[in-house]
Amino acid sequence: MAQLQSVKAAIFDLDGTLLDSMGVWNQIDIDFLGRRGIDVPDDYMSTVASMQFRQIAEYTIARFGLPDTPEALMSEWDEMARTAYGTTVQAKPGAMDYLRELKAAGVRLGVATTLMPQLRIAALDHLGMSEYFDTIVSVDDAGGVGKAKPDVYLLAASRLGVKPENCTVFEDLLVAIRSAKSAGMQAWAMYDDSSASDWPEITRVADGVLHDFRDAPRL
């Protein structure tokens, strides 16, 4: 471990950061709630963005008074999302070239995500990204603690063998950026429409902001 401590690491969120995927979930929300005669409230996506999958199901049931079980909702969403992630999701601009550049430079690469295994595997395989990462961790691997706390980033750093202060996290959510910085990590923000209302505060809090990975920092 000691010989790795000075090595740099980059830890990436998937939805809205490496993956241009929030449109998929917007459409799933529209279709799912539409089946039940409900319009998607303006604050729904931003509210659930940092939650775990089951938490989203429980919140959705409670908010809209649905008769479904969390398991039934998760199964329905999974079926809708699996095809989209395996066929239509695209990478954010410049993402693939940036991963190649970091890998070639010897930077350790990790993923810290709330995305379910079957969806992240489908997306990363579809885009040819899987081979670049040294570790992939989810909030479930970190004890089920969401991104409002830095546990998932600290776990990723530990598995990469890199000190937190030598890690740069790439995220699109304000709560996640604050969390990564609380662990002593650098945090760069990727713009995503789902976080547009928080962008002024994200710009203030983050160490840097991006619309395109071609402008990402050279670690």
C-alpha atoms as a PDB file:
ATOM      1  CA  MET A   1       0.000   0.000   0.000  1.00  0.00           C
ATOM      2  CA  ALA A   2       2.752   2.459   0.904  1.00  0.00           C
ATOM      3  CA  GLN A   3       4.193   2.576  -2.586  1.00  0.00           C
ATOM      4  CA  LEU A   4       0.808   3.619  -3.961  1.00  0.00           C
ATOM      5  CA  GLN A   5       0.126   6.444  -1.557  1.00  0.00           C
ATOM      6  CA  SER A   6       1.587   9.172  -3.785  1.00  0.00           C
ATOM      7  CA  VAL A   7      -0.149   7.849  -6.903  1.00  0.00           C
ATOM      8  CA  LYS A   8      -3.039   9.952  -8.131  1.00  0.00           C
ATOM      9  CA  ALA A   9      -6.563   8.665  -8.613  1.00  0.00           C
ATOM     10  CA  ALA A  10      -9.665   9.827 -10.425  1.00  0.00           C
ATOM     11  CA  ILE A  11     -13.037   8.673  -9.126  1.00  0.00           C
ATOM     12  CA  PHE A  12     -16.049   9.098 -11.401  1.00  0.00           C
ATOM     13  CA  ASP A  13     -19.768   9.159 -10.851  1.00  0.00           C
ATOM     14  CA  LEU A  14     -21.699   7.566 -13.723  1.00  0.00           C
ATOM     15  CA  ASP A  15     -25.199   9.015 -14.185  1.00  0.00           C
ATOM     16  CA  GLY A  16     -24.916  12.619 -15.323  1.00  0.00           C
ATOM     17  CA  THR A  17     -21.104  12.660 -15.112  1.00  0.00           C
ATOM     18  CA  LEU A  18     -19.459  10.031 -17.301  1.00  0.00           C
ATOM     19  CA  LEU A  19     -22.780   8.989 -18.787  1.00  0.00           C
ATOM     20  CA  ASP A  20     -25.195  11.300 -20.548  1.00  0.00           C
ATOM     21  CA  SER A  21     -27.984   9.259 -19.033  1.00  0.00           C
ATOM     22  CA  MET A  22     -30.273  11.558 -17.109  1.00  0.00           C
ATOM     23  CA  GLY A  23     -32.514  11.824 -20.156  1.00  0.00           C
ATOM     24  CA  VAL A  24     -33.098   8.083 -19.847  1.00  0.00           C
ATOM     25  CA  TRP A  25     -34.385   8.481 -16.308  1.00  0.00           C
ATOM     26  CA  ASN A  26     -36.447  11.514 -17.261  1.00  0.00           C
ATOM     27  CA  GLN A  27     -38.159   9.417 -19.900  1.00  0.00           C
ATOM     28  CA  ILE A  28     -38.610   6.503 -17.498  1.00  0.00           C
ATOM     29  CA  ASP A  29     -40.171   8.874 -14.975  1.00  0.00           C
ATOM     30  CA  ILE A  30     -42.477  10.320 -17.622  1.00  0.00           C
ATOM     31  CA  ASP A  31     -43.501   6.877 -18.862  1.00  0.00           C
ATOM     32  CA  PHE A  32     -43.782   5.298 -15.415  1.00  0.00           C
ATOM     33  CA  LEU A  33     -45.843   8.052 -13.810  1.00  0.00           C
ATOM     34  CA  GLY A  34     -47.749   8.591 -17.055  1.00  0.00           C
ATOM     35  CA  ARG A  35     -49.010   5.001 -16.847  1.00  0.00           C
ATOM     36  CA  ARG A  36     -50.552   6.047 -13.548  1.00  0.00           C
ATOM     37  CA  GLY A  37     -52.005   9.335 -14.822  1.00  0.00           C
ATOM     38  CA  ILE A  38     -49.424  11.465 -12.972  1.00  0.00           C
ATOM     39  CA  ASP A  39     -47.316  14.293 -14.405  1.00  0.00           C
ATOM     40  CA  VAL A  40     -43.683  14.436 -13.231  1.00  0.00           C
ATOM     41  CA  PRO A  41     -43.276  17.293 -10.703  1.00  0.00           C
ATOM     42  CA  ASP A  42     -40.510  19.788 -11.452  1.00  0.00           C
ATOM     43  CA  ASP A  43     -38.556  18.907  -8.310  1.00  0.00           C
ATOM     44  CA  TYR A  44     -38.825  15.122  -8.553  1.00  0.00           C
ATOM     45  CA  MET A  45     -35.619  14.329 -10.463  1.00  0.00           C
ATOM     46  CA  SER A  46     -33.416  16.603  -8.352  1.00  0.00           C
ATOM     47  CA  THR A  47     -34.938  15.221  -5.155  1.00  0.00           C
ATOM     48  CA  VAL A  48     -34.237  11.566  -5.974  1.00  0.00           C
ATOM     49  CA  ALA A  49     -30.939  12.050  -7.803  1.00  0.00           C
ATOM     50  CA  SER A  50     -28.686  11.248  -4.824  1.00  0.00           C
ATOM     51  CA  MET A  51     -30.896   8.511  -3.336  1.00  0.00           C
ATOM     52  CA  GLN A  52     -30.346   4.785  -3.513  1.00  0.00           C
ATOM     53  CA  PHE A  53     -32.675   2.825  -5.773  1.00  0.00           C
ATOM     54  CA  ARG A  54     -34.836   1.419  -2.982  1.00  0.00           C
ATOM     55  CA  GLN A  55     -35.028   4.817  -1.312  1.00  0.00           C
ATOM     56  CA  ILE A  56     -36.344   6.264  -4.578  1.00  0.00           C
ATOM     57  CA  ALA A  57     -38.997   3.554  -4.746  1.00  0.00           C
ATOM     58  CA  GLU A  58     -40.084   4.158  -1.152  1.00  0.00           C
ATOM     59  CA  TYR A  59     -40.107   7.934  -1.670  1.00  0.00           C
ATOM     60  CA  THR A  60     -42.113   7.627  -4.908  1.00  0.00           C
ATOM     61  CA  ILE A  61     -44.705   5.383  -3.267  1.00  0.00           C
ATOM     62  CA  ALA A  62     -45.067   7.763  -0.341  1.00  0.00           C
ATOM     63  CA  ARG A  63     -45.144  10.943  -2.432  1.00  0.00           C
ATOM     64  CA  PHE A  64     -47.751   9.779  -4.922  1.00  0.00           C
ATOM     65  CA  GLY A  65     -49.702   7.410  -2.685  1.00  0.00           C
ATOM     66  CA  LEU A  66     -49.039   4.420  -4.950  1.00  0.00           C
ATOM     67  CA  PRO A  67     -50.307   0.943  -4.008  1.00  0.00           C
ATOM     68  CA  ASP A  68     -47.153  -0.746  -5.385  1.00  0.00           C
ATOM     69  CA  THR A  69     -44.461  -2.360  -3.249  1.00  0.00           C
ATOM     70  CA  PRO A  70     -40.880  -1.045  -3.520  1.00  0.00           C
ATOM     71  CA  GLU A  71     -39.933  -4.365  -5.133  1.00  0.00           C
ATOM     72  CA  ALA A  72     -42.587  -3.975  -7.819  1.00  0.00           C
ATOM     73  CA  LEU A  73     -41.444  -0.439  -8.645  1.00  0.00           C
ATOM     74  CA  MET A  74     -37.796  -1.436  -8.787  1.00  0.00           C
ATOM     75  CA  SER A  75     -38.588  -4.360 -11.073  1.00  0.00           C
ATOM     76  CA  GLU A  76     -40.584  -2.153 -13.441  1.00  0.00           C
ATOM     77  CA  TRP A  77     -37.872   0.532 -13.534  1.00  0.00           C
ATOM     78  CA  ASP A  78     -35.167  -2.084 -14.006  1.00  0.00           C
ATOM     79  CA  GLU A  79     -36.911  -3.552 -17.022  1.00  0.00           C
ATOM     80  CA  MET A  80     -37.332  -0.102 -18.563  1.00  0.00           C
ATOM     81  CA  ALA A  81     -33.774   0.987 -17.840  1.00  0.00           C
ATOM     82  CA  ARG A  82     -31.849  -2.153 -18.727  1.00  0.00           C
ATOM     83  CA  THR A  83     -32.539  -1.836 -22.434  1.00  0.00           C
ATOM     84  CA  ALA A  84     -31.766   1.881 -22.482  1.00  0.00           C
ATOM     85  CA  TYR A  85     -28.437   1.529 -20.672  1.00  0.00           C
ATOM     86  CA  GLY A  86     -27.354  -1.361 -22.845  1.00  0.00           C
ATOM     87  CA  THR A  87     -28.220   0.273 -26.167  1.00  0.00           C
ATOM     88  CA  THR A  88     -28.811   4.031 -26.173  1.00  0.00           C
ATOM     89  CA  VAL A  89     -26.904   5.712 -23.317  1.00  0.00           C
ATOM     90  CA  GLN A  90     -23.962   7.791 -24.527  1.00  0.00           C
ATOM     91  CA  ALA A  91     -20.789   9.063 -22.852  1.00  0.00           C
ATOM     92  CA  LYS A  92     -20.432  12.723 -21.964  1.00  0.00           C
ATOM     93  CA  PRO A  93     -18.323  14.686 -24.515  1.00  0.00           C
ATOM     94  CA  GLY A  94     -14.628  13.835 -24.330  1.00  0.00           C
ATOM     95  CA  ALA A  95     -15.104  11.151 -21.659  1.00  0.00           C
ATOM     96  CA  MET A  96     -13.545   8.226 -23.528  1.00  0.00           C
ATOM     97  CA  ASP A  97     -10.440  10.146 -24.580  1.00  0.00           C
ATOM     98  CA  TYR A  98      -9.998  11.459 -21.034  1.00  0.00           C
ATOM     99  CA  LEU A  99     -10.136   7.958 -19.553  1.00  0.00           C
ATOM    100  CA  ARG A 100      -7.550   6.761 -22.077  1.00  0.00           C
ATOM    101  CA  GLU A 101      -5.292   9.705 -21.275  1.00  0.00           C
ATOM    102  CA  LEU A 102      -5.476   9.157 -17.520  1.00  0.00           C
ATOM    103  CA  LYS A 103      -4.894   5.420 -17.856  1.00  0.00           C
ATOM    104  CA  ALA A 104      -1.858   6.008 -20.043  1.00  0.00           C
ATOM    105  CA  ALA A 105      -0.491   8.457 -17.469  1.00  0.00           C
ATOM    106  CA  GLY A 106      -0.698   5.848 -14.702  1.00  0.00           C
ATOM    107  CA  VAL A 107      -3.594   7.448 -12.832  1.00  0.00           C
ATOM    108  CA  ARG A 108      -5.670   4.943 -10.863  1.00  0.00           C
ATOM    109  CA  LEU A 109      -9.296   5.000 -12.018  1.00  0.00           C
ATOM    110  CA  GLY A 110     -12.418   4.208 -10.053  1.00  0.00           C
ATOM    111  CA  VAL A 111     -16.179   4.522 -10.196  1.00  0.00           C
ATOM    112  CA  ALA A 112     -18.360   5.559  -7.249  1.00  0.00           C
ATOM    113  CA  THR A 113     -22.002   5.207  -8.162  1.00  0.00           C
ATOM    114  CA  THR A 114     -25.553   4.732  -6.969  1.00  0.00           C
ATOM    115  CA  LEU A 115     -26.327   2.867 -10.195  1.00  0.00           C
ATOM    116  CA  MET A 116     -27.392  -0.771  -9.875  1.00  0.00           C
ATOM    117  CA  PRO A 117     -24.894  -3.450 -11.009  1.00  0.00           C
ATOM    118  CA  GLN A 118     -26.907  -4.642 -14.001  1.00  0.00           C
ATOM    119  CA  LEU A 119     -27.282  -1.086 -15.336  1.00  0.00           C
ATOM    120  CA  ARG A 120     -23.709   0.052 -14.791  1.00  0.00           C
ATOM    121  CA  ILE A 121     -22.363  -3.138 -16.367  1.00  0.00           C
ATOM    122  CA  ALA A 122     -24.702  -2.740 -19.343  1.00  0.00           C
ATOM    123  CA  ALA A 123     -23.670   0.884 -19.873  1.00  0.00           C
ATOM    124  CA  LEU A 124     -19.920   0.436 -19.377  1.00  0.00           C
ATOM    125  CA  ASP A 125     -19.842  -2.602 -21.661  1.00  0.00           C
ATOM    126  CA  HIS A 126     -22.001  -0.850 -24.267  1.00  0.00           C
ATOM    127  CA  LEU A 127     -19.587   2.109 -24.320  1.00  0.00           C
ATOM    128  CA  GLY A 128     -16.368   0.076 -24.016  1.00  0.00           C
ATOM    129  CA  MET A 129     -15.409   1.752 -20.726  1.00  0.00           C
ATOM    130  CA  SER A 130     -15.159  -1.280 -18.434  1.00  0.00           C
ATOM    131  CA  GLU A 131     -11.515  -1.993 -19.182  1.00  0.00           C
ATOM    132  CA  TYR A 132     -10.315   1.369 -17.891  1.00  0.00           C
ATOM    133  CA  PHE A 133     -11.373   1.067 -14.255  1.00  0.00           C
ATOM    134  CA  ASP A 134      -9.328  -0.428 -11.444  1.00  0.00           C
ATOM    135  CA  THR A 135     -12.325  -0.569  -9.107  1.00  0.00           C
ATOM    136  CA  ILE A 136     -16.068   0.049  -9.222  1.00  0.00           C
ATOM    137  CA  VAL A 137     -17.901   0.667  -5.963  1.00  0.00           C
ATOM    138  CA  SER A 138     -21.496   1.514  -5.199  1.00  0.00           C
ATOM    139  CA  VAL A 139     -23.168   3.092  -2.214  1.00  0.00           C
ATOM    140  CA  ASP A 140     -24.361  -0.405  -1.291  1.00  0.00           C
ATOM    141  CA  ASP A 141     -20.721  -1.533  -1.023  1.00  0.00           C
ATOM    142  CA  ALA A 142     -20.188   1.359   1.409  1.00  0.00           C
ATOM    143  CA  GLY A 143     -22.820   0.172   3.857  1.00  0.00           C
ATOM    144  CA  GLY A 144     -25.787   1.640   2.038  1.00  0.00           C
ATOM    145  CA  VAL A 145     -24.816   5.200   2.912  1.00  0.00           C
ATOM    146  CA  GLY A 146     -25.810   7.612   0.140  1.00  0.00           C
ATOM    147  CA  LYS A 147     -23.610  10.282  -1.360  1.00  0.00           C
ATOM    148  CA  ALA A 148     -24.564  12.852   1.252  1.00  0.00           C
ATOM    149  CA  LYS A 149     -21.719  11.207   3.200  1.00  0.00           C
ATOM    150  CA  PRO A 150     -18.261  10.469   1.764  1.00  0.00           C
ATOM    151  CA  ASP A 151     -18.168   6.736   2.581  1.00  0.00           C
ATOM    152  CA  VAL A 152     -18.387   5.584  -1.039  1.00  0.00           C
ATOM    153  CA  TYR A 153     -15.511   7.875  -2.097  1.00  0.00           C
ATOM    154  CA  LEU A 154     -13.355   6.783   0.823  1.00  0.00           C
ATOM    155  CA  LEU A 155     -14.030   3.141  -0.022  1.00  0.00           C
ATOM    156  CA  ALA A 156     -13.045   3.748  -3.643  1.00  0.00           C
ATOM    157  CA  ALA A 157      -9.831   5.486  -2.549  1.00  0.00           C
ATOM    158  CA  SER A 158      -9.017   2.616  -0.199  1.00  0.00           C
ATOM    159  CA  ARG A 159      -9.515   0.018  -2.923  1.00  0.00           C
ATOM    160  CA  LEU A 160      -7.373   2.065  -5.283  1.00  0.00           C
ATOM    161  CA  GLY A 161      -4.641   2.318  -2.645  1.00  0.00           C
ATOM    162  CA  VAL A 162      -4.565   6.106  -2.817  1.00  0.00           C
ATOM    163  CA  LYS A 163      -4.813   8.714  -0.067  1.00  0.00           C
ATOM    164  CA  PRO A 164      -7.987  10.845  -0.182  1.00  0.00           C
ATOM    165  CA  GLU A 165      -5.952  14.005  -0.737  1.00  0.00           C
ATOM    166  CA  ASN A 166      -4.531  12.463  -3.925  1.00  0.00           C
ATOM    167  CA  CYS A 167      -7.988  11.739  -5.347  1.00  0.00           C
ATOM    168  CA  THR A 168     -10.011  13.861  -7.735  1.00  0.00           C
ATOM    169  CA  VAL A 169     -13.730  13.135  -7.817  1.00  0.00           C
ATOM    170  CA  PHE A 170     -15.920  13.971 -10.812  1.00  0.00           C
ATOM    171  CA  GLU A 171     -19.593  14.487  -9.964  1.00  0.00           C
ATOM    172  CA  ASP A 172     -22.674  16.340 -11.193  1.00  0.00           C
ATOM    173  CA  LEU A 173     -24.604  16.695  -7.921  1.00  0.00           C
ATOM    174  CA  LEU A 174     -24.064  19.439  -5.366  1.00  0.00           C
ATOM    175  CA  VAL A 175     -24.540  17.126  -2.387  1.00  0.00           C
ATOM    176  CA  ALA A 176     -21.967  14.705  -3.789  1.00  0.00           C
ATOM    177  CA  ILE A 177     -19.417  17.439  -4.518  1.00  0.00           C
ATOM    178  CA  ARG A 178     -19.707  18.724  -0.970  1.00  0.00           C
ATOM    179  CA  SER A 179     -19.359  15.200   0.343  1.00  0.00           C
ATOM    180  CA  ALA A 180     -16.214  14.423  -1.654  1.00  0.00           C
ATOM    181  CA  LYS A 181     -14.609  17.671  -0.553  1.00  0.00           C
ATOM    182  CA  SER A 182     -15.435  16.875   3.085  1.00  0.00           C
ATOM    183  CA  ALA A 183     -13.191  13.816   2.708  1.00  0.00           C
ATOM    184  CA  GLY A 184     -10.270  16.007   1.623  1.00  0.00           C
ATOM    185  CA  MET A 185     -10.584  15.193  -2.067  1.00  0.00           C
ATOM    186  CA  GLN A 186     -10.590  17.528  -5.032  1.00  0.00           C
ATOM    187  CA  ALA A 187     -14.021  17.706  -6.661  1.00  0.00           C
ATOM    188  CA  TRP A 188     -14.734  18.719 -10.236  1.00  0.00           C
ATOM    189  CA  ALA A 189     -18.291  19.229 -11.433  1.00  0.00           C
ATOM    190  CA  MET A 190     -19.679  18.049 -14.750  1.00  0.00           C
ATOM    191  CA  TYR A 191     -22.688  20.063 -15.896  1.00  0.00           C
ATOM    192  CA  ASP A 192     -25.901  18.113 -16.281  1.00  0.00           C
ATOM    193  CA  ASP A 193     -29.367  19.488 -16.934  1.00  0.00           C
ATOM    194  CA  SER A 194     -30.701  17.648 -13.890  1.00  0.00           C
ATOM    195  CA  SER A 195     -28.578  19.891 -11.647  1.00  0.00           C
ATOM    196  CA  ALA A 196     -29.140  23.145 -13.534  1.00  0.00           C
ATOM    197  CA  SER A 197     -30.866  24.826 -10.593  1.00  0.00           C
ATOM    198  CA  ASP A 198     -27.847  24.099  -8.363  1.00  0.00           C
ATOM    199  CA  TRP A 199     -25.228  25.132 -10.926  1.00  0.00           C
ATOM    200  CA  PRO A 200     -24.403  28.548  -9.408  1.00  0.00           C
ATOM    201  CA  GLU A 201     -23.726  26.926  -6.024  1.00  0.00           C
ATOM    202  CA  ILE A 202     -21.909  24.000  -7.646  1.00  0.00           C
ATOM    203  CA  THR A 203     -19.661  26.491  -9.431  1.00  0.00           C
ATOM    204  CA  ARG A 204     -18.888  28.148  -6.099  1.00  0.00           C
ATOM    205  CA  VAL A 205     -18.178  24.931  -4.186  1.00  0.00           C
ATOM    206  CA  ALA A 206     -16.345  22.771  -6.751  1.00  0.00           C
ATOM    207  CA  ASP A 207     -12.629  22.995  -7.476  1.00  0.00           C
ATOM    208  CA  GLY A 208     -13.461  23.240 -11.167  1.00  0.00           C
ATOM    209  CA  VAL A 209     -16.413  22.856 -13.528  1.00  0.00           C
ATOM    210  CA  LEU A 210     -16.821  21.157 -16.874  1.00  0.00           C
ATOM    211  CA  HIS A 211     -19.197  20.909 -19.794  1.00  0.00           C
ATOM    212  CA  ASP A 212     -16.799  18.689 -21.733  1.00  0.00           C
ATOM    213  CA  PHE A 213     -14.061  16.312 -20.557  1.00  0.00           C
ATOM    214  CA  ARG A 214     -11.736  17.818 -23.128  1.00  0.00           C
ATOM    215  CA  ASP A 215     -11.417  20.662 -20.584  1.00  0.00           C
ATOM    216  CA  ALA A 216     -10.782  18.316 -17.648  1.00  0.00           C
ATOM    217  CA  PRO A 217      -7.684  18.726 -15.445  1.00  0.00           C
ATOM    218  CA  ARG A 218      -4.435  16.937 -16.227  1.00  0.00           C
ATOM    219  CA  LEU A 219      -3.824  14.991 -13.009  1.00  0.00           C
END
